[in-house]
Amino acid sequence: MVIDFSLEREAGVNLVTLTGRLLGEEDVYSISKSVLEVVDGVYKNVIFDLKELNYVNSSGINMFMKVITKSRVNNGEVLFIGVSGDVEKLFDIAKLNEIYTIYSTKEEAISHFKR
């Protein structure tokens, strides 16, 4: 498996941790399906923890956009933490850092939702 992910709830927020390389449609579909299901529920806010994500391609970026759209439709919000290395370079080149809200730590992101 190229990518591993976990989905937990912490402080009323869905925390999605991605580890490895997000490449294939099959992986993206599995992650997207899981996250979109919880966003349709009571907990509409999502934090993507990318500190262990080494690479993401256009399929992964598309997945992030789908989750952001679904969350916003349900009056939620999506944040990112731990963006670094090649993923950070991609975010900068594609100007995704201007679209996405990015924090350094999980604690900062969780406190964002408590405002």
N, C-alpha and C. Protein backbone atom coordinates (compact mmCIF):
# COMPACT_ATOMS: atom_id res chain seq x y z
N MET A 1 0.84 -1.19 0.00
CA MET A 1 0.00 0.00 0.00
C MET A 1 0.88 1.24 0.00
N VAL A 2 0.56 2.18 -0.83
CA VAL A 2 1.32 3.41 -0.97
C VAL A 2 0.91 4.42 0.11
N ILE A 3 -0.34 4.42 0.49
CA ILE A 3 -0.87 5.39 1.46
C ILE A 3 -1.55 4.66 2.60
N ASP A 4 -1.43 5.22 3.78
CA ASP A 4 -2.15 4.74 4.94
C ASP A 4 -2.86 5.94 5.53
N PHE A 5 -4.06 5.72 6.05
CA PHE A 5 -4.76 6.85 6.66
C PHE A 5 -5.53 6.39 7.89
N SER A 6 -5.73 7.34 8.78
CA SER A 6 -6.58 7.08 9.93
C SER A 6 -7.56 8.23 10.05
N LEU A 7 -8.72 7.92 10.58
CA LEU A 7 -9.77 8.91 10.78
C LEU A 7 -10.23 8.80 12.22
N GLU A 8 -10.00 9.85 12.99
CA GLU A 8 -10.37 9.87 14.40
C GLU A 8 -11.16 11.13 14.67
N ARG A 9 -11.82 11.16 15.81
CA ARG A 9 -12.50 12.37 16.24
C ARG A 9 -11.82 12.86 17.50
N GLU A 10 -11.42 14.13 17.48
CA GLU A 10 -10.77 14.72 18.62
C GLU A 10 -11.35 16.12 18.84
N ALA A 11 -11.82 16.37 20.05
CA ALA A 11 -12.39 17.67 20.42
C ALA A 11 -13.51 18.09 19.44
N GLY A 12 -14.30 17.11 18.99
CA GLY A 12 -15.41 17.40 18.10
C GLY A 12 -15.01 17.67 16.66
N VAL A 13 -13.77 17.34 16.30
CA VAL A 13 -13.26 17.58 14.95
C VAL A 13 -12.79 16.26 14.37
N ASN A 14 -13.03 16.04 13.08
CA ASN A 14 -12.53 14.86 12.39
C ASN A 14 -11.07 15.09 12.04
N LEU A 15 -10.19 14.22 12.54
CA LEU A 15 -8.76 14.31 12.27
C LEU A 15 -8.38 13.18 11.32
N VAL A 16 -7.93 13.56 10.11
CA VAL A 16 -7.53 12.60 9.10
C VAL A 16 -6.01 12.68 8.97
N THR A 17 -5.34 11.57 9.31
CA THR A 17 -3.88 11.51 9.23
C THR A 17 -3.50 10.68 8.01
N LEU A 18 -2.69 11.28 7.13
CA LEU A 18 -2.25 10.60 5.92
C LEU A 18 -0.76 10.32 6.03
N THR A 19 -0.37 9.08 5.70
CA THR A 19 1.03 8.65 5.78
C THR A 19 1.43 7.99 4.46
N GLY A 20 2.54 8.43 3.88
CA GLY A 20 3.05 7.81 2.67
C GLY A 20 2.90 8.69 1.46
N ARG A 21 2.49 8.06 0.35
CA ARG A 21 2.36 8.75 -0.94
C ARG A 21 0.94 8.58 -1.46
N LEU A 22 0.25 9.69 -1.65
CA LEU A 22 -1.13 9.67 -2.13
C LEU A 22 -1.12 9.75 -3.65
N LEU A 23 -1.26 8.59 -4.30
CA LEU A 23 -1.09 8.50 -5.75
C LEU A 23 -2.30 7.97 -6.49
N GLY A 24 -2.82 6.84 -6.06
CA GLY A 24 -3.79 6.11 -6.87
C GLY A 24 -5.23 6.49 -6.62
N GLU A 25 -6.01 6.34 -7.68
CA GLU A 25 -7.45 6.59 -7.61
C GLU A 25 -8.12 5.72 -6.55
N GLU A 26 -7.66 4.48 -6.45
CA GLU A 26 -8.24 3.55 -5.48
C GLU A 26 -8.05 4.05 -4.05
N ASP A 27 -6.85 4.52 -3.74
CA ASP A 27 -6.57 5.07 -2.41
C ASP A 27 -7.38 6.33 -2.16
N VAL A 28 -7.40 7.20 -3.15
CA VAL A 28 -8.15 8.46 -3.02
C VAL A 28 -9.63 8.16 -2.80
N TYR A 29 -10.17 7.21 -3.53
CA TYR A 29 -11.59 6.86 -3.39
C TYR A 29 -11.89 6.38 -1.97
N SER A 30 -11.07 5.51 -1.45
CA SER A 30 -11.28 4.96 -0.11
C SER A 30 -11.25 6.06 0.95
N ILE A 31 -10.25 6.91 0.89
CA ILE A 31 -10.13 8.00 1.87
C ILE A 31 -11.29 8.97 1.71
N SER A 32 -11.55 9.36 0.49
CA SER A 32 -12.62 10.32 0.21
C SER A 32 -13.97 9.82 0.70
N LYS A 33 -14.27 8.57 0.41
CA LYS A 33 -15.55 7.99 0.84
C LYS A 33 -15.69 8.05 2.36
N SER A 34 -14.66 7.68 3.08
CA SER A 34 -14.70 7.69 4.55
C SER A 34 -14.89 9.09 5.09
N VAL A 35 -14.12 10.04 4.56
CA VAL A 35 -14.18 11.41 5.09
C VAL A 35 -15.49 12.08 4.71
N LEU A 36 -15.96 11.90 3.49
CA LEU A 36 -17.21 12.53 3.07
C LEU A 36 -18.40 12.00 3.87
N GLU A 37 -18.36 10.74 4.27
CA GLU A 37 -19.44 10.19 5.09
C GLU A 37 -19.51 10.88 6.45
N VAL A 38 -18.37 11.12 7.09
CA VAL A 38 -18.41 11.76 8.41
C VAL A 38 -18.76 13.24 8.31
N VAL A 39 -18.37 13.88 7.22
CA VAL A 39 -18.69 15.30 7.03
C VAL A 39 -20.19 15.49 6.85
N ASP A 40 -20.87 14.47 6.35
CA ASP A 40 -22.32 14.52 6.22
C ASP A 40 -23.03 14.35 7.56
N GLY A 41 -22.29 13.96 8.59
CA GLY A 41 -22.88 13.73 9.90
C GLY A 41 -22.85 14.97 10.77
N VAL A 42 -22.79 14.74 12.06
CA VAL A 42 -22.83 15.83 13.05
C VAL A 42 -21.54 16.64 13.03
N TYR A 43 -20.40 15.97 12.83
CA TYR A 43 -19.10 16.63 12.90
C TYR A 43 -18.63 17.00 11.49
N LYS A 44 -18.78 18.26 11.14
CA LYS A 44 -18.54 18.72 9.78
C LYS A 44 -17.15 19.29 9.55
N ASN A 45 -16.40 19.53 10.63
CA ASN A 45 -15.07 20.11 10.53
C ASN A 45 -14.02 19.01 10.42
N VAL A 46 -13.00 19.28 9.58
CA VAL A 46 -11.96 18.29 9.30
C VAL A 46 -10.59 18.95 9.41
N ILE A 47 -9.65 18.22 10.01
CA ILE A 47 -8.24 18.59 9.98
C ILE A 47 -7.51 17.47 9.26
N PHE A 48 -6.81 17.82 8.19
CA PHE A 48 -5.94 16.87 7.50
C PHE A 48 -4.53 17.04 8.06
N ASP A 49 -4.00 15.98 8.67
CA ASP A 49 -2.63 15.98 9.18
C ASP A 49 -1.73 15.39 8.10
N LEU A 50 -0.89 16.24 7.52
CA LEU A 50 -0.06 15.82 6.38
C LEU A 50 1.42 15.70 6.73
N LYS A 51 1.75 15.72 8.02
CA LYS A 51 3.18 15.73 8.37
C LYS A 51 3.90 14.46 7.93
N GLU A 52 3.19 13.35 7.74
CA GLU A 52 3.81 12.10 7.28
C GLU A 52 3.50 11.80 5.81
N LEU A 53 2.88 12.77 5.13
CA LEU A 53 2.57 12.60 3.71
C LEU A 53 3.77 13.06 2.90
N ASN A 54 4.34 12.17 2.10
CA ASN A 54 5.55 12.47 1.34
C ASN A 54 5.27 13.04 -0.04
N TYR A 55 4.11 12.70 -0.61
CA TYR A 55 3.81 13.09 -1.97
C TYR A 55 2.31 13.05 -2.19
N VAL A 56 1.81 13.97 -2.99
CA VAL A 56 0.40 13.96 -3.38
C VAL A 56 0.34 14.38 -4.84
N ASN A 57 -0.53 13.73 -5.62
CA ASN A 57 -0.70 14.12 -7.02
C ASN A 57 -2.05 14.81 -7.19
N SER A 58 -2.44 15.04 -8.44
CA SER A 58 -3.68 15.77 -8.71
C SER A 58 -4.92 15.06 -8.18
N SER A 59 -4.89 13.73 -8.12
CA SER A 59 -6.03 13.00 -7.56
C SER A 59 -6.22 13.34 -6.08
N GLY A 60 -5.12 13.44 -5.36
CA GLY A 60 -5.19 13.81 -3.95
C GLY A 60 -5.67 15.23 -3.76
N ILE A 61 -5.18 16.16 -4.57
CA ILE A 61 -5.62 17.56 -4.50
C ILE A 61 -7.11 17.64 -4.79
N ASN A 62 -7.57 16.89 -5.77
CA ASN A 62 -9.00 16.85 -6.11
C ASN A 62 -9.81 16.34 -4.91
N MET A 63 -9.30 15.33 -4.23
CA MET A 63 -9.99 14.81 -3.05
C MET A 63 -10.11 15.89 -1.98
N PHE A 64 -9.01 16.62 -1.72
CA PHE A 64 -9.06 17.69 -0.74
C PHE A 64 -10.15 18.71 -1.11
N MET A 65 -10.23 19.07 -2.39
CA MET A 65 -11.22 20.05 -2.83
C MET A 65 -12.64 19.52 -2.64
N LYS A 66 -12.87 18.24 -2.91
CA LYS A 66 -14.19 17.66 -2.70
C LYS A 66 -14.59 17.71 -1.23
N VAL A 67 -13.65 17.38 -0.35
CA VAL A 67 -13.94 17.40 1.09
C VAL A 67 -14.20 18.82 1.55
N ILE A 68 -13.41 19.77 1.08
CA ILE A 68 -13.62 21.17 1.45
C ILE A 68 -15.00 21.63 1.00
N THR A 69 -15.36 21.31 -0.24
CA THR A 69 -16.67 21.72 -0.76
C THR A 69 -17.80 21.12 0.04
N LYS A 70 -17.73 19.82 0.31
CA LYS A 70 -18.79 19.14 1.07
C LYS A 70 -18.89 19.70 2.48
N SER A 71 -17.75 19.93 3.11
CA SER A 71 -17.74 20.48 4.46
C SER A 71 -18.37 21.87 4.48
N ARG A 72 -18.01 22.71 3.53
CA ARG A 72 -18.57 24.07 3.49
C ARG A 72 -20.07 24.06 3.22
N VAL A 73 -20.51 23.16 2.35
CA VAL A 73 -21.95 23.05 2.08
C VAL A 73 -22.70 22.72 3.37
N ASN A 74 -22.05 21.94 4.24
CA ASN A 74 -22.65 21.55 5.52
C ASN A 74 -22.28 22.49 6.67
N ASN A 75 -21.80 23.70 6.31
CA ASN A 75 -21.40 24.72 7.30
C ASN A 75 -20.22 24.28 8.15
N GLY A 76 -19.30 23.54 7.56
CA GLY A 76 -18.08 23.13 8.25
C GLY A 76 -16.87 23.78 7.62
N GLU A 77 -15.71 23.35 8.05
CA GLU A 77 -14.46 23.91 7.55
C GLU A 77 -13.38 22.83 7.55
N VAL A 78 -12.42 22.96 6.65
CA VAL A 78 -11.32 22.02 6.54
C VAL A 78 -10.02 22.78 6.75
N LEU A 79 -9.15 22.25 7.61
CA LEU A 79 -7.84 22.83 7.88
C LEU A 79 -6.77 21.79 7.60
N PHE A 80 -5.55 22.25 7.41
CA PHE A 80 -4.41 21.38 7.16
C PHE A 80 -3.32 21.67 8.17
N ILE A 81 -2.63 20.61 8.62
CA ILE A 81 -1.48 20.78 9.50
C ILE A 81 -0.32 19.94 8.98
N GLY A 82 0.88 20.32 9.38
CA GLY A 82 2.06 19.52 9.05
C GLY A 82 2.42 19.50 7.59
N VAL A 83 2.09 20.55 6.85
CA VAL A 83 2.41 20.59 5.42
C VAL A 83 3.90 20.94 5.29
N SER A 84 4.67 20.03 4.68
CA SER A 84 6.11 20.26 4.56
C SER A 84 6.67 19.49 3.37
N GLY A 85 7.95 19.70 3.09
CA GLY A 85 8.65 18.97 2.04
C GLY A 85 8.04 19.16 0.66
N ASP A 86 7.96 18.06 -0.10
CA ASP A 86 7.43 18.12 -1.46
C ASP A 86 5.96 18.53 -1.49
N VAL A 87 5.21 18.17 -0.47
CA VAL A 87 3.80 18.56 -0.42
C VAL A 87 3.69 20.07 -0.27
N GLU A 88 4.52 20.65 0.58
CA GLU A 88 4.52 22.11 0.75
C GLU A 88 4.92 22.81 -0.55
N LYS A 89 5.91 22.26 -1.25
CA LYS A 89 6.33 22.83 -2.53
C LYS A 89 5.17 22.84 -3.52
N LEU A 90 4.44 21.71 -3.58
CA LEU A 90 3.29 21.64 -4.48
C LEU A 90 2.22 22.66 -4.09
N PHE A 91 1.93 22.76 -2.79
CA PHE A 91 0.95 23.73 -2.32
C PHE A 91 1.36 25.15 -2.73
N ASP A 92 2.66 25.46 -2.62
CA ASP A 92 3.16 26.79 -2.99
C ASP A 92 3.06 27.03 -4.49
N ILE A 93 3.53 26.07 -5.29
CA ILE A 93 3.51 26.21 -6.75
C ILE A 93 2.09 26.36 -7.27
N ALA A 94 1.18 25.56 -6.75
CA ALA A 94 -0.21 25.58 -7.19
C ALA A 94 -1.04 26.64 -6.47
N LYS A 95 -0.38 27.39 -5.59
CA LYS A 95 -1.03 28.46 -4.81
C LYS A 95 -2.16 27.93 -3.93
N LEU A 96 -2.05 26.65 -3.55
CA LEU A 96 -3.05 26.05 -2.68
C LEU A 96 -2.96 26.62 -1.27
N ASN A 97 -1.78 27.12 -0.91
CA ASN A 97 -1.63 27.75 0.40
C ASN A 97 -2.46 29.03 0.50
N GLU A 98 -2.93 29.56 -0.63
CA GLU A 98 -3.81 30.72 -0.62
C GLU A 98 -5.28 30.31 -0.50
N ILE A 99 -5.57 29.06 -0.82
CA ILE A 99 -6.94 28.54 -0.77
C ILE A 99 -7.19 27.81 0.55
N TYR A 100 -6.20 27.02 0.96
CA TYR A 100 -6.33 26.19 2.16
C TYR A 100 -5.87 26.96 3.39
N THR A 101 -6.49 26.66 4.52
CA THR A 101 -6.06 27.20 5.80
C THR A 101 -5.11 26.19 6.42
N ILE A 102 -3.88 26.64 6.67
CA ILE A 102 -2.82 25.74 7.14
C ILE A 102 -2.29 26.22 8.49
N TYR A 103 -2.19 25.28 9.43
CA TYR A 103 -1.59 25.55 10.73
C TYR A 103 -0.39 24.63 10.92
N SER A 104 0.48 25.01 11.85
CA SER A 104 1.66 24.19 12.14
C SER A 104 1.33 22.97 12.98
N THR A 105 0.44 23.15 13.98
CA THR A 105 0.17 22.07 14.92
C THR A 105 -1.31 21.76 15.02
N LYS A 106 -1.58 20.57 15.52
CA LYS A 106 -2.96 20.12 15.75
C LYS A 106 -3.64 21.02 16.78
N GLU A 107 -2.91 21.41 17.80
CA GLU A 107 -3.50 22.26 18.85
C GLU A 107 -3.95 23.60 18.29
N GLU A 108 -3.14 24.18 17.42
CA GLU A 108 -3.54 25.46 16.78
C GLU A 108 -4.79 25.28 15.94
N ALA A 109 -4.85 24.19 15.19
CA ALA A 109 -6.01 23.95 14.33
C ALA A 109 -7.27 23.71 15.16
N ILE A 110 -7.15 22.92 16.21
CA ILE A 110 -8.32 22.66 17.07
C ILE A 110 -8.80 23.96 17.71
N SER A 111 -7.87 24.81 18.15
CA SER A 111 -8.28 26.07 18.78
C SER A 111 -8.96 26.98 17.76
N HIS A 112 -8.65 26.84 16.48
CA HIS A 112 -9.32 27.60 15.42
C HIS A 112 -10.83 27.36 15.47
N PHE A 113 -11.22 26.12 15.73
CA PHE A 113 -12.64 25.77 15.75
C PHE A 113 -13.33 26.20 17.04
N LYS A 114 -12.58 26.55 18.06
CA LYS A 114 -13.16 26.97 19.33
C LYS A 114 -13.45 28.46 19.38
N ARG A 115 -13.08 29.18 18.32
CA ARG A 115 -13.31 30.63 18.28
C ARG A 115 -14.76 30.95 18.08
